[in-house]
Each structure stands twice: as C-alpha cells, then as structure tokens.
Amino acid sequence: MPKYRGKDSEQGFTLIEMVVAVLIVAVMITVVTPRLISAGQRAETTACEQNQRNIRAALAEYDLLHGAYPTGDTSVQLQALVDDNILDSVPKEPSGGSYVINDIDANNVTVECSIHNQLGAP
C-alpha cells in the first residue's frame, strides 16, 4: 500500500538549496582557475628552460666537433645544429617568443629567450 505523502513532504530542491549549490561551485571555480593558469605558465617556463639547456649542450657539442661555435644569426646557428644532426629540429619557444644565442667570447655562449630571458645555469 503506498504511503500517503502530505503537501509538505514533496521532494525537490528549494531555491535556497539551489543558490547555495551555485555559490559553492562559483567559489570552487574561483579558487581552481588561477591555479590552472599558473600551472600552464610554469610549464611553459620549464619547457623554455629545458630548450635553453638543450641548445647550450648542442652548441658545446658543435664546438667539440668543429673547434668553434656556428656563425651567423641565431636561426642560422640553430639550423647548423640541426644540419649536423646534433638537434633533431629547431626548438620552438613554447610561449611564442624566440631564442637568441649571444657569443660573449670564444669560450662562452649564452642562450636567452625573448620572453623568459636567460633561464638555468649556463
């Protein structure tokens, strides 16, 4: 036999319960979104730093093989590393910037990013 449900026992959510649920979701989104954005920025910075290290290591290997660093502007130098099969491809800066190779002297080269500058130990 079905139980009698009075008018006061109807099931469903009240307006207050719905508003509270929406507010909880809004607070969660407000807290999580900045963390997700900063995580993406940290990932780009880390990838840029790793690319700079790879370029510096490739330049050191090129110097060992040829007795000097490649000459020309940065794009020519990076292509020389690819042509010698030291790098698989020219590294792309993850944030859309570009890399710059600076020859300080015959024994010292730095790699900088147009967005993140120089990262990691040379």
N, C-alpha and C. Protein backbone atom coordinates (compact mmCIF):
# COMPACT_ATOMS: atom_id res chain seq x y z
N MET A 1 0.84 -1.17 0.00
CA MET A 1 0.00 0.00 0.00
C MET A 1 0.89 1.24 0.00
N PRO A 2 0.69 2.13 -0.95
CA PRO A 2 1.53 3.32 -0.99
C PRO A 2 1.29 4.22 0.21
N LYS A 3 2.41 4.79 0.64
CA LYS A 3 2.31 5.70 1.78
C LYS A 3 1.77 7.04 1.30
N TYR A 4 1.02 7.65 2.17
CA TYR A 4 0.47 8.96 1.86
C TYR A 4 1.55 10.01 2.06
N ARG A 5 1.70 10.85 1.08
CA ARG A 5 2.64 11.98 1.20
C ARG A 5 1.82 13.25 1.29
N GLY A 6 2.06 13.92 2.34
CA GLY A 6 1.34 15.16 2.52
C GLY A 6 1.90 16.27 1.64
N LYS A 7 1.23 17.37 1.62
CA LYS A 7 1.64 18.50 0.80
C LYS A 7 3.02 19.01 1.20
N ASP A 8 3.37 18.92 2.47
CA ASP A 8 4.64 19.43 2.97
C ASP A 8 5.80 18.49 2.67
N SER A 9 5.56 17.28 2.25
CA SER A 9 6.65 16.33 2.06
C SER A 9 7.04 16.15 0.59
N GLU A 10 6.69 17.07 -0.28
CA GLU A 10 7.07 16.95 -1.69
C GLU A 10 8.59 17.01 -1.80
N GLN A 11 9.12 16.21 -2.72
CA GLN A 11 10.57 16.15 -2.87
C GLN A 11 11.01 17.13 -3.94
N GLY A 12 12.25 17.59 -3.79
CA GLY A 12 12.84 18.54 -4.73
C GLY A 12 13.73 19.50 -3.97
N PHE A 13 14.39 20.35 -4.73
CA PHE A 13 15.30 21.32 -4.12
C PHE A 13 14.59 22.65 -3.97
N THR A 14 14.86 23.30 -2.86
CA THR A 14 14.31 24.64 -2.67
C THR A 14 15.22 25.64 -3.36
N LEU A 15 14.72 26.82 -3.53
CA LEU A 15 15.50 27.88 -4.16
C LEU A 15 16.77 28.16 -3.36
N ILE A 16 16.69 28.14 -2.07
CA ILE A 16 17.86 28.40 -1.22
C ILE A 16 18.91 27.32 -1.43
N GLU A 17 18.51 26.07 -1.51
CA GLU A 17 19.46 24.98 -1.74
C GLU A 17 20.15 25.14 -3.09
N MET A 18 19.40 25.54 -4.09
CA MET A 18 19.98 25.75 -5.42
C MET A 18 20.99 26.90 -5.41
N VAL A 19 20.65 27.99 -4.74
CA VAL A 19 21.55 29.15 -4.66
C VAL A 19 22.83 28.76 -3.93
N VAL A 20 22.70 28.02 -2.84
CA VAL A 20 23.88 27.58 -2.09
C VAL A 20 24.77 26.70 -2.97
N ALA A 21 24.18 25.79 -3.72
CA ALA A 21 24.96 24.91 -4.60
C ALA A 21 25.69 25.71 -5.67
N VAL A 22 25.02 26.68 -6.26
CA VAL A 22 25.65 27.53 -7.28
C VAL A 22 26.79 28.34 -6.67
N LEU A 23 26.61 28.86 -5.48
CA LEU A 23 27.66 29.62 -4.81
C LEU A 23 28.88 28.74 -4.52
N ILE A 24 28.65 27.52 -4.09
CA ILE A 24 29.77 26.61 -3.82
C ILE A 24 30.55 26.34 -5.09
N VAL A 25 29.85 26.09 -6.19
CA VAL A 25 30.52 25.84 -7.47
C VAL A 25 31.29 27.09 -7.90
N ALA A 26 30.71 28.27 -7.74
CA ALA A 26 31.39 29.51 -8.12
C ALA A 26 32.67 29.72 -7.31
N VAL A 27 32.62 29.44 -6.02
CA VAL A 27 33.81 29.58 -5.18
C VAL A 27 34.89 28.59 -5.62
N MET A 28 34.48 27.37 -5.93
CA MET A 28 35.45 26.37 -6.38
C MET A 28 36.11 26.80 -7.69
N ILE A 29 35.34 27.32 -8.62
CA ILE A 29 35.90 27.79 -9.89
C ILE A 29 36.86 28.95 -9.65
N THR A 30 36.49 29.85 -8.76
CA THR A 30 37.34 31.00 -8.45
C THR A 30 38.68 30.56 -7.86
N VAL A 31 38.68 29.52 -7.07
CA VAL A 31 39.91 29.03 -6.45
C VAL A 31 40.76 28.23 -7.43
N VAL A 32 40.14 27.41 -8.25
CA VAL A 32 40.87 26.48 -9.12
C VAL A 32 41.42 27.16 -10.37
N THR A 33 40.70 28.08 -10.98
CA THR A 33 41.11 28.68 -12.25
C THR A 33 42.48 29.34 -12.19
N PRO A 34 42.79 30.19 -11.21
CA PRO A 34 44.14 30.79 -11.19
C PRO A 34 45.25 29.75 -11.06
N ARG A 35 44.97 28.69 -10.33
CA ARG A 35 45.99 27.64 -10.18
C ARG A 35 46.24 26.93 -11.50
N LEU A 36 45.20 26.70 -12.26
CA LEU A 36 45.37 26.05 -13.56
C LEU A 36 46.14 26.96 -14.51
N ILE A 37 45.84 28.25 -14.49
CA ILE A 37 46.54 29.19 -15.36
C ILE A 37 48.01 29.27 -14.97
N SER A 38 48.31 29.38 -13.68
CA SER A 38 49.71 29.47 -13.26
C SER A 38 50.45 28.17 -13.54
N ALA A 39 49.76 27.05 -13.49
CA ALA A 39 50.41 25.77 -13.82
C ALA A 39 50.82 25.76 -15.28
N GLY A 40 49.99 26.29 -16.15
CA GLY A 40 50.34 26.37 -17.57
C GLY A 40 51.53 27.28 -17.81
N GLN A 41 51.58 28.40 -17.10
CA GLN A 41 52.71 29.31 -17.24
C GLN A 41 53.99 28.68 -16.71
N ARG A 42 53.90 27.96 -15.61
CA ARG A 42 55.09 27.27 -15.08
C ARG A 42 55.57 26.21 -16.06
N ALA A 43 54.65 25.53 -16.69
CA ALA A 43 55.02 24.50 -17.67
C ALA A 43 55.74 25.13 -18.86
N GLU A 44 55.27 26.28 -19.33
CA GLU A 44 55.93 26.96 -20.44
C GLU A 44 57.33 27.42 -20.04
N THR A 45 57.47 27.96 -18.84
CA THR A 45 58.78 28.41 -18.36
C THR A 45 59.73 27.23 -18.24
N THR A 46 59.26 26.12 -17.71
CA THR A 46 60.10 24.92 -17.58
C THR A 46 60.52 24.39 -18.94
N ALA A 47 59.60 24.37 -19.89
CA ALA A 47 59.93 23.91 -21.25
C ALA A 47 60.94 24.84 -21.90
N CYS A 48 60.80 26.14 -21.69
CA CYS A 48 61.75 27.11 -22.23
C CYS A 48 63.14 26.90 -21.63
N GLU A 49 63.18 26.70 -20.32
CA GLU A 49 64.46 26.46 -19.65
C GLU A 49 65.14 25.20 -20.19
N GLN A 50 64.36 24.14 -20.38
CA GLN A 50 64.92 22.90 -20.92
C GLN A 50 65.42 23.10 -22.35
N ASN A 51 64.68 23.86 -23.15
CA ASN A 51 65.14 24.15 -24.52
C ASN A 51 66.46 24.91 -24.50
N GLN A 52 66.59 25.88 -23.59
CA GLN A 52 67.84 26.64 -23.50
C GLN A 52 69.00 25.73 -23.12
N ARG A 53 68.77 24.82 -22.19
CA ARG A 53 69.82 23.87 -21.80
C ARG A 53 70.20 22.99 -22.99
N ASN A 54 69.20 22.51 -23.73
CA ASN A 54 69.47 21.66 -24.89
C ASN A 54 70.28 22.41 -25.95
N ILE A 55 69.93 23.67 -26.17
CA ILE A 55 70.67 24.47 -27.16
C ILE A 55 72.11 24.67 -26.70
N ARG A 56 72.31 25.00 -25.41
CA ARG A 56 73.67 25.18 -24.90
C ARG A 56 74.48 23.90 -25.03
N ALA A 57 73.87 22.76 -24.70
CA ALA A 57 74.57 21.47 -24.81
C ALA A 57 74.90 21.17 -26.27
N ALA A 58 73.98 21.48 -27.17
CA ALA A 58 74.22 21.25 -28.60
C ALA A 58 75.34 22.15 -29.11
N LEU A 59 75.37 23.39 -28.64
CA LEU A 59 76.45 24.30 -29.05
C LEU A 59 77.80 23.80 -28.55
N ALA A 60 77.84 23.28 -27.33
CA ALA A 60 79.09 22.74 -26.79
C ALA A 60 79.54 21.54 -27.61
N GLU A 61 78.60 20.69 -28.02
CA GLU A 61 78.96 19.53 -28.85
C GLU A 61 79.46 19.98 -30.22
N TYR A 62 78.81 20.99 -30.79
CA TYR A 62 79.25 21.52 -32.08
C TYR A 62 80.67 22.07 -31.97
N ASP A 63 80.94 22.77 -30.86
CA ASP A 63 82.27 23.32 -30.63
C ASP A 63 83.31 22.20 -30.53
N LEU A 64 82.97 21.11 -29.87
CA LEU A 64 83.90 19.97 -29.77
C LEU A 64 84.17 19.34 -31.14
N LEU A 65 83.13 19.26 -31.96
CA LEU A 65 83.29 18.64 -33.28
C LEU A 65 84.03 19.52 -34.28
N HIS A 66 83.78 20.84 -34.22
CA HIS A 66 84.31 21.75 -35.24
C HIS A 66 85.36 22.73 -34.72
N GLY A 67 85.58 22.76 -33.44
CA GLY A 67 86.58 23.67 -32.88
C GLY A 67 86.11 25.10 -32.75
N ALA A 68 84.87 25.37 -33.05
CA ALA A 68 84.29 26.71 -32.93
C ALA A 68 82.77 26.59 -32.91
N TYR A 69 82.14 27.65 -32.44
CA TYR A 69 80.68 27.68 -32.46
C TYR A 69 80.21 28.02 -33.87
N PRO A 70 78.98 27.66 -34.23
CA PRO A 70 78.48 28.05 -35.55
C PRO A 70 78.37 29.57 -35.65
N THR A 71 78.52 30.08 -36.84
CA THR A 71 78.47 31.53 -37.05
C THR A 71 77.14 31.93 -37.66
N GLY A 72 76.88 33.21 -37.64
CA GLY A 72 75.65 33.75 -38.21
C GLY A 72 74.67 34.13 -37.13
N ASP A 73 73.48 34.54 -37.57
CA ASP A 73 72.47 34.89 -36.57
C ASP A 73 71.91 33.62 -35.93
N THR A 74 71.03 33.79 -34.97
CA THR A 74 70.54 32.65 -34.19
C THR A 74 69.89 31.59 -35.06
N SER A 75 69.07 31.99 -36.03
CA SER A 75 68.39 31.00 -36.86
C SER A 75 69.39 30.18 -37.67
N VAL A 76 70.46 30.82 -38.15
CA VAL A 76 71.50 30.11 -38.90
C VAL A 76 72.26 29.16 -37.98
N GLN A 77 72.57 29.62 -36.77
CA GLN A 77 73.28 28.77 -35.81
C GLN A 77 72.44 27.55 -35.43
N LEU A 78 71.16 27.76 -35.16
CA LEU A 78 70.30 26.64 -34.80
C LEU A 78 70.16 25.66 -35.96
N GLN A 79 70.05 26.18 -37.18
CA GLN A 79 69.94 25.30 -38.34
C GLN A 79 71.23 24.51 -38.53
N ALA A 80 72.39 25.11 -38.21
CA ALA A 80 73.66 24.38 -38.30
C ALA A 80 73.67 23.20 -37.32
N LEU A 81 73.07 23.38 -36.15
CA LEU A 81 72.99 22.29 -35.18
C LEU A 81 72.09 21.17 -35.68
N VAL A 82 71.03 21.54 -36.40
CA VAL A 82 70.14 20.54 -36.98
C VAL A 82 70.83 19.83 -38.14
N ASP A 83 71.51 20.61 -38.99
CA ASP A 83 72.19 20.04 -40.16
C ASP A 83 73.28 19.04 -39.75
N ASP A 84 73.92 19.27 -38.61
CA ASP A 84 74.96 18.35 -38.11
C ASP A 84 74.36 17.20 -37.29
N ASN A 85 73.05 17.10 -37.28
CA ASN A 85 72.33 16.06 -36.52
C ASN A 85 72.61 16.11 -35.02
N ILE A 86 72.89 17.29 -34.52
CA ILE A 86 73.08 17.46 -33.08
C ILE A 86 71.71 17.70 -32.43
N LEU A 87 70.88 18.48 -33.10
CA LEU A 87 69.49 18.67 -32.69
C LEU A 87 68.59 18.02 -33.73
N ASP A 88 67.47 17.46 -33.28
CA ASP A 88 66.52 16.87 -34.22
C ASP A 88 65.78 17.93 -35.03
N SER A 89 65.46 19.04 -34.37
CA SER A 89 64.76 20.14 -35.03
C SER A 89 65.07 21.43 -34.29
N VAL A 90 64.77 22.55 -34.92
CA VAL A 90 64.99 23.84 -34.28
C VAL A 90 63.94 23.98 -33.17
N PRO A 91 64.39 24.21 -31.92
CA PRO A 91 63.44 24.31 -30.80
C PRO A 91 62.51 25.51 -30.96
N LYS A 92 61.25 25.30 -30.65
CA LYS A 92 60.25 26.36 -30.66
C LYS A 92 60.02 26.84 -29.23
N GLU A 93 60.00 28.14 -29.05
CA GLU A 93 59.75 28.70 -27.73
C GLU A 93 58.27 28.49 -27.41
N PRO A 94 57.93 27.84 -26.28
CA PRO A 94 56.54 27.46 -26.01
C PRO A 94 55.57 28.62 -25.84
N SER A 95 56.05 29.80 -25.49
CA SER A 95 55.16 30.95 -25.29
C SER A 95 55.04 31.81 -26.54
N GLY A 96 55.68 31.39 -27.62
CA GLY A 96 55.60 32.14 -28.87
C GLY A 96 56.74 33.12 -29.08
N GLY A 97 57.71 33.13 -28.20
CA GLY A 97 58.86 34.01 -28.34
C GLY A 97 59.92 33.39 -29.24
N SER A 98 61.14 33.86 -29.09
CA SER A 98 62.24 33.32 -29.88
C SER A 98 63.48 33.22 -29.01
N TYR A 99 64.43 32.42 -29.46
CA TYR A 99 65.68 32.25 -28.74
C TYR A 99 66.75 33.11 -29.41
N VAL A 100 67.68 33.60 -28.59
CA VAL A 100 68.80 34.39 -29.09
C VAL A 100 70.08 33.79 -28.52
N ILE A 101 71.03 33.50 -29.41
CA ILE A 101 72.33 32.98 -28.99
C ILE A 101 73.29 34.15 -28.98
N ASN A 102 73.90 34.41 -27.83
CA ASN A 102 74.86 35.50 -27.67
C ASN A 102 76.25 34.94 -27.49
N ASP A 103 77.15 35.28 -28.40
CA ASP A 103 78.55 34.89 -28.27
C ASP A 103 79.25 35.93 -27.43
N ILE A 104 79.53 35.58 -26.17
CA ILE A 104 80.23 36.52 -25.30
C ILE A 104 81.71 36.54 -25.66
N ASP A 105 82.30 35.39 -25.81
CA ASP A 105 83.67 35.27 -26.30
C ASP A 105 83.80 33.88 -26.91
N ALA A 106 85.01 33.52 -27.30
CA ALA A 106 85.21 32.24 -27.99
C ALA A 106 84.88 31.04 -27.12
N ASN A 107 84.88 31.22 -25.79
CA ASN A 107 84.64 30.10 -24.88
C ASN A 107 83.32 30.18 -24.13
N ASN A 108 82.53 31.21 -24.39
CA ASN A 108 81.33 31.41 -23.60
C ASN A 108 80.17 31.87 -24.49
N VAL A 109 79.10 31.13 -24.46
CA VAL A 109 77.90 31.45 -25.23
C VAL A 109 76.70 31.38 -24.30
N THR A 110 75.79 32.33 -24.43
CA THR A 110 74.55 32.28 -23.65
C THR A 110 73.37 32.13 -24.60
N VAL A 111 72.33 31.54 -24.09
CA VAL A 111 71.08 31.40 -24.84
C VAL A 111 70.00 32.09 -24.02
N GLU A 112 69.29 33.01 -24.67
CA GLU A 112 68.23 33.75 -23.99
C GLU A 112 66.93 33.60 -24.77
N CYS A 113 65.85 33.79 -24.05
CA CYS A 113 64.52 33.74 -24.64
C CYS A 113 63.97 35.16 -24.65
N SER A 114 63.25 35.52 -25.71
CA SER A 114 62.70 36.87 -25.79
C SER A 114 61.59 37.11 -24.76
N ILE A 115 61.07 36.06 -24.17
CA ILE A 115 60.01 36.21 -23.16
C ILE A 115 60.54 35.95 -21.75
N HIS A 116 61.28 34.85 -21.57
CA HIS A 116 61.72 34.45 -20.23
C HIS A 116 63.16 34.86 -19.91
N ASN A 117 63.85 35.50 -20.84
CA ASN A 117 65.26 35.84 -20.69
C ASN A 117 66.09 34.58 -20.53
N GLN A 118 67.20 34.67 -19.80
CA GLN A 118 68.07 33.51 -19.63
C GLN A 118 67.62 32.71 -18.42
N LEU A 119 67.39 31.42 -18.63
CA LEU A 119 66.96 30.54 -17.54
C LEU A 119 67.99 29.45 -17.33
N GLY A 120 68.12 28.99 -16.13
CA GLY A 120 69.04 27.89 -15.84
C GLY A 120 70.48 28.36 -15.87
N ALA A 121 71.34 27.51 -15.38
CA ALA A 121 72.77 27.84 -15.35
C ALA A 121 73.37 27.66 -16.73
N PRO A 122 74.20 28.60 -17.16
CA PRO A 122 74.84 28.46 -18.47
C PRO A 122 75.85 27.34 -18.49
